[in-house]
Amino acid sequence: MPSIDTSIYKHPEELLQKLIRFDTTNPPGNEAPLMRYIDSLLTAAGFETTFLAKDPTRPNLLTRLKGKGEAPPLLLYGHADV
């Protein structure tokens, strides 16, 4: 299982501030810079990521953390436009 930089647990408010600074006001959305930032965090933590985009300025970021098969799968879903 990938390890996560524990600094995000020590100062989650700093991570939240960084996320809020991205202007994803809809329209037009323009979530791509935010998705690239989140992708960099997840990739650095060892997660496998994939982008899917009908519109390149509004990509979807998919991330999978494979479990041990001992529990039902869990899907977390969110959106980045406001």
PDB file of N, CA and C in Angstrom:
ATOM      1  N   MET A   1       0.845  -1.173   0.000  1.00  0.00           N
ATOM      2  CA  MET A   1       0.000   0.000   0.000  1.00  0.00           C
ATOM      3  C   MET A   1       0.891   1.238   0.000  1.00  0.00           C
ATOM      4  N   PRO A   2       0.555   2.258  -0.833  1.00  0.00           N
ATOM      5  CA  PRO A   2       1.364   3.469  -0.867  1.00  0.00           C
ATOM      6  C   PRO A   2       1.344   4.198   0.464  1.00  0.00           C
ATOM      7  N   SER A   3       2.434   4.874   0.745  1.00  0.00           N
ATOM      8  CA  SER A   3       2.460   5.699   1.949  1.00  0.00           C
ATOM      9  C   SER A   3       2.152   7.135   1.556  1.00  0.00           C
ATOM     10  N   ILE A   4       1.506   7.841   2.446  1.00  0.00           N
ATOM     11  CA  ILE A   4       1.109   9.222   2.192  1.00  0.00           C
ATOM     12  C   ILE A   4       1.980  10.132   3.037  1.00  0.00           C
ATOM     13  N   ASP A   5       2.396  11.247   2.447  1.00  0.00           N
ATOM     14  CA  ASP A   5       3.181  12.239   3.173  1.00  0.00           C
ATOM     15  C   ASP A   5       2.385  12.667   4.405  1.00  0.00           C
ATOM     16  N   THR A   6       2.909  12.388   5.577  1.00  0.00           N
ATOM     17  CA  THR A   6       2.165  12.658   6.810  1.00  0.00           C
ATOM     18  C   THR A   6       1.990  14.140   7.091  1.00  0.00           C
ATOM     19  N   SER A   7       2.685  15.009   6.368  1.00  0.00           N
ATOM     20  CA  SER A   7       2.509  16.443   6.607  1.00  0.00           C
ATOM     21  C   SER A   7       1.083  16.889   6.292  1.00  0.00           C
ATOM     22  N   ILE A   8       0.382  16.169   5.409  1.00  0.00           N
ATOM     23  CA  ILE A   8      -0.998  16.560   5.124  1.00  0.00           C
ATOM     24  C   ILE A   8      -1.904  16.296   6.321  1.00  0.00           C
ATOM     25  N   TYR A   9      -1.504  15.389   7.197  1.00  0.00           N
ATOM     26  CA  TYR A   9      -2.276  15.148   8.415  1.00  0.00           C
ATOM     27  C   TYR A   9      -1.931  16.164   9.495  1.00  0.00           C
ATOM     28  N   LYS A  10      -0.699  16.631   9.503  1.00  0.00           N
ATOM     29  CA  LYS A  10      -0.268  17.585  10.521  1.00  0.00           C
ATOM     30  C   LYS A  10      -0.830  18.976  10.266  1.00  0.00           C
ATOM     31  N   HIS A  11      -0.982  19.343   8.996  1.00  0.00           N
ATOM     32  CA  HIS A  11      -1.465  20.678   8.645  1.00  0.00           C
ATOM     33  C   HIS A  11      -2.488  20.602   7.508  1.00  0.00           C
ATOM     34  N   PRO A  12      -3.620  19.958   7.749  1.00  0.00           N
ATOM     35  CA  PRO A  12      -4.605  19.824   6.670  1.00  0.00           C
ATOM     36  C   PRO A  12      -5.147  21.170   6.208  1.00  0.00           C
ATOM     37  N   GLU A  13      -5.114  22.173   7.083  1.00  0.00           N
ATOM     38  CA  GLU A  13      -5.606  23.492   6.689  1.00  0.00           C
ATOM     39  C   GLU A  13      -4.749  24.085   5.573  1.00  0.00           C
ATOM     40  N   GLU A  14      -3.455  23.774   5.556  1.00  0.00           N
ATOM     41  CA  GLU A  14      -2.589  24.271   4.486  1.00  0.00           C
ATOM     42  C   GLU A  14      -2.950  23.617   3.154  1.00  0.00           C
ATOM     43  N   LEU A  15      -3.239  22.342   3.182  1.00  0.00           N
ATOM     44  CA  LEU A  15      -3.663  21.655   1.963  1.00  0.00           C
ATOM     45  C   LEU A  15      -4.986  22.238   1.478  1.00  0.00           C
ATOM     46  N   LEU A  16      -5.927  22.447   2.386  1.00  0.00           N
ATOM     47  CA  LEU A  16      -7.216  23.021   2.015  1.00  0.00           C
ATOM     48  C   LEU A  16      -7.036  24.409   1.414  1.00  0.00           C
ATOM     49  N   GLN A  17      -6.172  25.235   2.002  1.00  0.00           N
ATOM     50  CA  GLN A  17      -5.912  26.570   1.464  1.00  0.00           C
ATOM     51  C   GLN A  17      -5.369  26.493   0.041  1.00  0.00           C
ATOM     52  N   LYS A  18      -4.455  25.567  -0.205  1.00  0.00           N
ATOM     53  CA  LYS A  18      -3.898  25.411  -1.553  1.00  0.00           C
ATOM     54  C   LYS A  18      -4.985  25.009  -2.540  1.00  0.00           C
ATOM     55  N   LEU A  19      -5.860  24.102  -2.130  1.00  0.00           N
ATOM     56  CA  LEU A  19      -6.933  23.645  -3.018  1.00  0.00           C
ATOM     57  C   LEU A  19      -7.917  24.770  -3.328  1.00  0.00           C
ATOM     58  N   ILE A  20      -8.249  25.568  -2.324  1.00  0.00           N
ATOM     59  CA  ILE A  20      -9.218  26.653  -2.498  1.00  0.00           C
ATOM     60  C   ILE A  20      -8.676  27.756  -3.400  1.00  0.00           C
ATOM     61  N   ARG A  21      -7.369  27.920  -3.451  1.00  0.00           N
ATOM     62  CA  ARG A  21      -6.763  28.978  -4.275  1.00  0.00           C
ATOM     63  C   ARG A  21      -6.953  28.756  -5.777  1.00  0.00           C
ATOM     64  N   PHE A  22      -7.263  27.548  -6.185  1.00  0.00           N
ATOM     65  CA  PHE A  22      -7.508  27.284  -7.604  1.00  0.00           C
ATOM     66  C   PHE A  22      -8.887  27.813  -7.974  1.00  0.00           C
ATOM     67  N   ASP A  23      -8.957  28.630  -9.022  1.00  0.00           N
ATOM     68  CA  ASP A  23     -10.239  29.179  -9.469  1.00  0.00           C
ATOM     69  C   ASP A  23     -10.913  28.175 -10.394  1.00  0.00           C
ATOM     70  N   THR A  24     -11.900  27.489  -9.859  1.00  0.00           N
ATOM     71  CA  THR A  24     -12.657  26.512 -10.647  1.00  0.00           C
ATOM     72  C   THR A  24     -14.116  26.944 -10.784  1.00  0.00           C
ATOM     73  N   THR A  25     -14.330  28.274 -10.736  1.00  0.00           N
ATOM     74  CA  THR A  25     -15.677  28.809 -10.861  1.00  0.00           C
ATOM     75  C   THR A  25     -16.300  28.346 -12.174  1.00  0.00           C
ATOM     76  N   ASN A  26     -17.551  27.908 -12.092  1.00  0.00           N
ATOM     77  CA  ASN A  26     -18.266  27.392 -13.247  1.00  0.00           C
ATOM     78  C   ASN A  26     -19.372  28.357 -13.635  1.00  0.00           C
ATOM     79  N   PRO A  27     -19.488  28.797 -14.879  1.00  0.00           N
ATOM     80  CA  PRO A  27     -18.578  28.508 -15.971  1.00  0.00           C
ATOM     81  C   PRO A  27     -17.315  29.364 -15.889  1.00  0.00           C
ATOM     82  N   PRO A  28     -16.254  28.965 -16.497  1.00  0.00           N
ATOM     83  CA  PRO A  28     -16.074  27.843 -17.399  1.00  0.00           C
ATOM     84  C   PRO A  28     -15.618  26.577 -16.698  1.00  0.00           C
ATOM     85  N   GLY A  29     -15.311  26.632 -15.410  1.00  0.00           N
ATOM     86  CA  GLY A  29     -14.811  25.447 -14.702  1.00  0.00           C
ATOM     87  C   GLY A  29     -13.302  25.464 -14.649  1.00  0.00           C
ATOM     88  N   ASN A  30     -12.666  25.134 -15.765  1.00  0.00           N
ATOM     89  CA  ASN A  30     -11.207  25.139 -15.881  1.00  0.00           C
ATOM     90  C   ASN A  30     -10.534  24.420 -14.719  1.00  0.00           C
ATOM     91  N   GLU A  31     -10.951  23.198 -14.480  1.00  0.00           N
ATOM     92  CA  GLU A  31     -10.426  22.422 -13.359  1.00  0.00           C
ATOM     93  C   GLU A  31      -9.060  21.789 -13.625  1.00  0.00           C
ATOM     94  N   ALA A  32      -8.538  21.874 -14.855  1.00  0.00           N
ATOM     95  CA  ALA A  32      -7.300  21.178 -15.215  1.00  0.00           C
ATOM     96  C   ALA A  32      -6.122  21.497 -14.286  1.00  0.00           C
ATOM     97  N   PRO A  33      -5.843  22.769 -13.957  1.00  0.00           N
ATOM     98  CA  PRO A  33      -4.713  23.029 -13.052  1.00  0.00           C
ATOM     99  C   PRO A  33      -4.885  22.365 -11.682  1.00  0.00           C
ATOM    100  N   LEU A  34      -6.097  22.389 -11.155  1.00  0.00           N
ATOM    101  CA  LEU A  34      -6.355  21.743  -9.868  1.00  0.00           C
ATOM    102  C   LEU A  34      -6.180  20.236  -9.969  1.00  0.00           C
ATOM    103  N   MET A  35      -6.692  19.645 -11.033  1.00  0.00           N
ATOM    104  CA  MET A  35      -6.558  18.197 -11.200  1.00  0.00           C
ATOM    105  C   MET A  35      -5.090  17.789 -11.331  1.00  0.00           C
ATOM    106  N   ARG A  36      -4.288  18.616 -12.025  1.00  0.00           N
ATOM    107  CA  ARG A  36      -2.857  18.310 -12.140  1.00  0.00           C
ATOM    108  C   ARG A  36      -2.178  18.385 -10.772  1.00  0.00           C
ATOM    109  N   TYR A  37      -2.585  19.355  -9.938  1.00  0.00           N
ATOM    110  CA  TYR A  37      -2.015  19.474  -8.593  1.00  0.00           C
ATOM    111  C   TYR A  37      -2.375  18.246  -7.749  1.00  0.00           C
ATOM    112  N   ILE A  38      -3.637  17.870  -7.752  1.00  0.00           N
ATOM    113  CA  ILE A  38      -4.070  16.695  -6.990  1.00  0.00           C
ATOM    114  C   ILE A  38      -3.368  15.444  -7.513  1.00  0.00           C
ATOM    115  N   ASP A  39      -3.238  15.356  -8.831  1.00  0.00           N
ATOM    116  CA  ASP A  39      -2.520  14.229  -9.432  1.00  0.00           C
ATOM    117  C   ASP A  39      -1.085  14.169  -8.913  1.00  0.00           C
ATOM    118  N   SER A  40      -0.418  15.317  -8.806  1.00  0.00           N
ATOM    119  CA  SER A  40       0.971  15.321  -8.323  1.00  0.00           C
ATOM    120  C   SER A  40       1.060  14.822  -6.885  1.00  0.00           C
ATOM    121  N   LEU A  41       0.079  15.176  -6.063  1.00  0.00           N
ATOM    122  CA  LEU A  41       0.066  14.702  -4.673  1.00  0.00           C
ATOM    123  C   LEU A  41      -0.125  13.189  -4.619  1.00  0.00           C
ATOM    124  N   LEU A  42      -1.081  12.700  -5.384  1.00  0.00           N
ATOM    125  CA  LEU A  42      -1.375  11.267  -5.376  1.00  0.00           C
ATOM    126  C   LEU A  42      -0.236  10.454  -5.981  1.00  0.00           C
ATOM    127  N   THR A  43       0.335  10.946  -7.060  1.00  0.00           N
ATOM    128  CA  THR A  43       1.455  10.252  -7.696  1.00  0.00           C
ATOM    129  C   THR A  43       2.651  10.189  -6.755  1.00  0.00           C
ATOM    130  N   ALA A  44       2.935  11.304  -6.069  1.00  0.00           N
ATOM    131  CA  ALA A  44       4.047  11.331  -5.113  1.00  0.00           C
ATOM    132  C   ALA A  44       3.828  10.335  -3.980  1.00  0.00           C
ATOM    133  N   ALA A  45       2.557  10.061  -3.671  1.00  0.00           N
ATOM    134  CA  ALA A  45       2.233   9.109  -2.608  1.00  0.00           C
ATOM    135  C   ALA A  45       2.213   7.670  -3.115  1.00  0.00           C
ATOM    136  N   GLY A  46       2.449   7.482  -4.412  1.00  0.00           N
ATOM    137  CA  GLY A  46       2.525   6.131  -4.949  1.00  0.00           C
ATOM    138  C   GLY A  46       1.251   5.592  -5.573  1.00  0.00           C
ATOM    139  N   PHE A  47       0.238   6.426  -5.716  1.00  0.00           N
ATOM    140  CA  PHE A  47      -1.017   5.992  -6.327  1.00  0.00           C
ATOM    141  C   PHE A  47      -0.895   6.007  -7.845  1.00  0.00           C
ATOM    142  N   GLU A  48      -1.630   5.120  -8.495  1.00  0.00           N
ATOM    143  CA  GLU A  48      -1.722   5.143  -9.949  1.00  0.00           C
ATOM    144  C   GLU A  48      -2.896   6.035 -10.327  1.00  0.00           C
ATOM    145  N   THR A  49      -2.671   6.945 -11.267  1.00  0.00           N
ATOM    146  CA  THR A  49      -3.719   7.881 -11.669  1.00  0.00           C
ATOM    147  C   THR A  49      -3.912   7.846 -13.176  1.00  0.00           C
ATOM    148  N   THR A  50      -5.104   8.236 -13.596  1.00  0.00           N
ATOM    149  CA  THR A  50      -5.456   8.312 -15.010  1.00  0.00           C
ATOM    150  C   THR A  50      -6.357   9.519 -15.213  1.00  0.00           C
ATOM    151  N   PHE A  51      -6.140  10.241 -16.299  1.00  0.00           N
ATOM    152  CA  PHE A  51      -7.025  11.341 -16.670  1.00  0.00           C
ATOM    153  C   PHE A  51      -7.951  10.886 -17.788  1.00  0.00           C
ATOM    154  N   LEU A  52      -9.216  11.262 -17.690  1.00  0.00           N
ATOM    155  CA  LEU A  52     -10.197  11.085 -18.759  1.00  0.00           C
ATOM    156  C   LEU A  52     -10.823  12.449 -18.993  1.00  0.00           C
ATOM    157  N   ALA A  53     -10.889  12.879 -20.263  1.00  0.00           N
ATOM    158  CA  ALA A  53     -11.427  14.213 -20.516  1.00  0.00           C
ATOM    159  C   ALA A  53     -12.112  14.296 -21.868  1.00  0.00           C
ATOM    160  N   LYS A  54     -13.355  14.683 -21.849  1.00  0.00           N
ATOM    161  CA  LYS A  54     -14.044  15.032 -23.089  1.00  0.00           C
ATOM    162  C   LYS A  54     -13.591  16.434 -23.498  1.00  0.00           C
ATOM    163  N   ASP A  55     -13.422  17.301 -22.495  1.00  0.00           N
ATOM    164  CA  ASP A  55     -12.924  18.665 -22.678  1.00  0.00           C
ATOM    165  C   ASP A  55     -11.611  18.758 -21.904  1.00  0.00           C
ATOM    166  N   PRO A  56     -10.489  19.061 -22.559  1.00  0.00           N
ATOM    167  CA  PRO A  56      -9.191  19.067 -21.874  1.00  0.00           C
ATOM    168  C   PRO A  56      -9.078  20.082 -20.741  1.00  0.00           C
ATOM    169  N   THR A  57      -9.952  21.091 -20.715  1.00  0.00           N
ATOM    170  CA  THR A  57      -9.912  22.053 -19.609  1.00  0.00           C
ATOM    171  C   THR A  57     -10.696  21.561 -18.399  1.00  0.00           C
ATOM    172  N   ARG A  58     -11.400  20.427 -18.570  1.00  0.00           N
ATOM    173  CA  ARG A  58     -12.248  19.904 -17.499  1.00  0.00           C
ATOM    174  C   ARG A  58     -12.050  18.401 -17.320  1.00  0.00           C
ATOM    175  N   PRO A  59     -10.817  17.978 -17.041  1.00  0.00           N
ATOM    176  CA  PRO A  59     -10.536  16.538 -16.964  1.00  0.00           C
ATOM    177  C   PRO A  59     -11.083  15.890 -15.697  1.00  0.00           C
ATOM    178  N   ASN A  60     -11.308  14.608 -15.802  1.00  0.00           N
ATOM    179  CA  ASN A  60     -11.635  13.779 -14.644  1.00  0.00           C
ATOM    180  C   ASN A  60     -10.366  13.045 -14.231  1.00  0.00           C
ATOM    181  N   LEU A  61     -10.129  12.972 -12.944  1.00  0.00           N
ATOM    182  CA  LEU A  61      -8.962  12.275 -12.415  1.00  0.00           C
ATOM    183  C   LEU A  61      -9.440  11.009 -11.723  1.00  0.00           C
ATOM    184  N   LEU A  62      -8.953   9.874 -12.189  1.00  0.00           N
ATOM    185  CA  LEU A  62      -9.300   8.587 -11.590  1.00  0.00           C
ATOM    186  C   LEU A  62      -8.077   8.049 -10.870  1.00  0.00           C
ATOM    187  N   THR A  63      -8.279   7.582  -9.669  1.00  0.00           N
ATOM    188  CA  THR A  63      -7.193   7.027  -8.866  1.00  0.00           C
ATOM    189  C   THR A  63      -7.676   5.732  -8.247  1.00  0.00           C
ATOM    190  N   ARG A  64      -6.797   4.756  -8.221  1.00  0.00           N
ATOM    191  CA  ARG A  64      -7.180   3.469  -7.639  1.00  0.00           C
ATOM    192  C   ARG A  64      -6.154   3.047  -6.603  1.00  0.00           C
ATOM    193  N   LEU A  65      -6.663   2.628  -5.488  1.00  0.00           N
ATOM    194  CA  LEU A  65      -5.845   2.014  -4.451  1.00  0.00           C
ATOM    195  C   LEU A  65      -6.378   0.599  -4.293  1.00  0.00           C
ATOM    196  N   LYS A  66      -5.632  -0.339  -4.789  1.00  0.00           N
ATOM    197  CA  LYS A  66      -6.084  -1.730  -4.760  1.00  0.00           C
ATOM    198  C   LYS A  66      -5.990  -2.265  -3.332  1.00  0.00           C
ATOM    199  N   GLY A  67      -7.057  -2.886  -2.900  1.00  0.00           N
ATOM    200  CA  GLY A  67      -7.091  -3.477  -1.569  1.00  0.00           C
ATOM    201  C   GLY A  67      -6.614  -4.915  -1.584  1.00  0.00           C
ATOM    202  N   LYS A  68      -6.916  -5.606  -0.509  1.00  0.00           N
ATOM    203  CA  LYS A  68      -6.508  -7.010  -0.373  1.00  0.00           C
ATOM    204  C   LYS A  68      -7.633  -7.967  -0.745  1.00  0.00           C
ATOM    205  N   GLY A  69      -8.788  -7.421  -1.134  1.00  0.00           N
ATOM    206  CA  GLY A  69      -9.914  -8.268  -1.500  1.00  0.00           C
ATOM    207  C   GLY A  69     -10.681  -8.799  -0.305  1.00  0.00           C
ATOM    208  N   GLU A  70     -10.454  -8.220   0.862  1.00  0.00           N
ATOM    209  CA  GLU A  70     -11.108  -8.700   2.083  1.00  0.00           C
ATOM    210  C   GLU A  70     -12.381  -7.930   2.418  1.00  0.00           C
ATOM    211  N   ALA A  71     -12.668  -6.883   1.659  1.00  0.00           N
ATOM    212  CA  ALA A  71     -13.851  -6.065   1.919  1.00  0.00           C
ATOM    213  C   ALA A  71     -14.444  -5.640   0.577  1.00  0.00           C
ATOM    214  N   PRO A  72     -15.719  -5.240   0.581  1.00  0.00           N
ATOM    215  CA  PRO A  72     -16.317  -4.763  -0.663  1.00  0.00           C
ATOM    216  C   PRO A  72     -15.581  -3.513  -1.163  1.00  0.00           C
ATOM    217  N   PRO A  73     -15.592  -3.287  -2.469  1.00  0.00           N
ATOM    218  CA  PRO A  73     -14.961  -2.081  -3.013  1.00  0.00           C
ATOM    219  C   PRO A  73     -15.660  -0.827  -2.497  1.00  0.00           C
ATOM    220  N   LEU A  74     -14.934   0.259  -2.468  1.00  0.00           N
ATOM    221  CA  LEU A  74     -15.470   1.544  -2.024  1.00  0.00           C
ATOM    222  C   LEU A  74     -15.139   2.574  -3.088  1.00  0.00           C
ATOM    223  N   LEU A  75     -16.146   3.322  -3.533  1.00  0.00           N
ATOM    224  CA  LEU A  75     -15.959   4.369  -4.525  1.00  0.00           C
ATOM    225  C   LEU A  75     -16.166   5.712  -3.840  1.00  0.00           C
ATOM    226  N   LEU A  76     -15.199   6.603  -3.984  1.00  0.00           N
ATOM    227  CA  LEU A  76     -15.328   7.975  -3.504  1.00  0.00           C
ATOM    228  C   LEU A  76     -15.408   8.869  -4.729  1.00  0.00           C
ATOM    229  N   TYR A  77     -16.340   9.797  -4.720  1.00  0.00           N
ATOM    230  CA  TYR A  77     -16.566  10.648  -5.878  1.00  0.00           C
ATOM    231  C   TYR A  77     -16.685  12.086  -5.410  1.00  0.00           C
ATOM    232  N   GLY A  78     -16.097  12.990  -6.141  1.00  0.00           N
ATOM    233  CA  GLY A  78     -16.216  14.401  -5.804  1.00  0.00           C
ATOM    234  C   GLY A  78     -16.126  15.238  -7.062  1.00  0.00           C
ATOM    235  N   HIS A  79     -16.348  16.524  -6.911  1.00  0.00           N
ATOM    236  CA  HIS A  79     -16.206  17.422  -8.056  1.00  0.00           C
ATOM    237  C   HIS A  79     -15.395  18.635  -7.631  1.00  0.00           C
ATOM    238  N   ALA A  80     -14.804  19.308  -8.610  1.00  0.00           N
ATOM    239  CA  ALA A  80     -13.890  20.402  -8.297  1.00  0.00           C
ATOM    240  C   ALA A  80     -14.403  21.760  -8.763  1.00  0.00           C
ATOM    241  N   ASP A  81     -15.463  21.796  -9.566  1.00  0.00           N
ATOM    242  CA  ASP A  81     -15.979  23.102  -9.972  1.00  0.00           C
ATOM    243  C   ASP A  81     -16.892  23.651  -8.886  1.00  0.00           C
ATOM    244  N   VAL A  82     -16.967  24.968  -8.836  1.00  0.00           N
ATOM    245  CA  VAL A  82     -17.829  25.605  -7.827  1.00  0.00           C
ATOM    246  C   VAL A  82     -18.754  26.608  -8.492  1.00  0.00           C
TER     247      VAL A  82
END
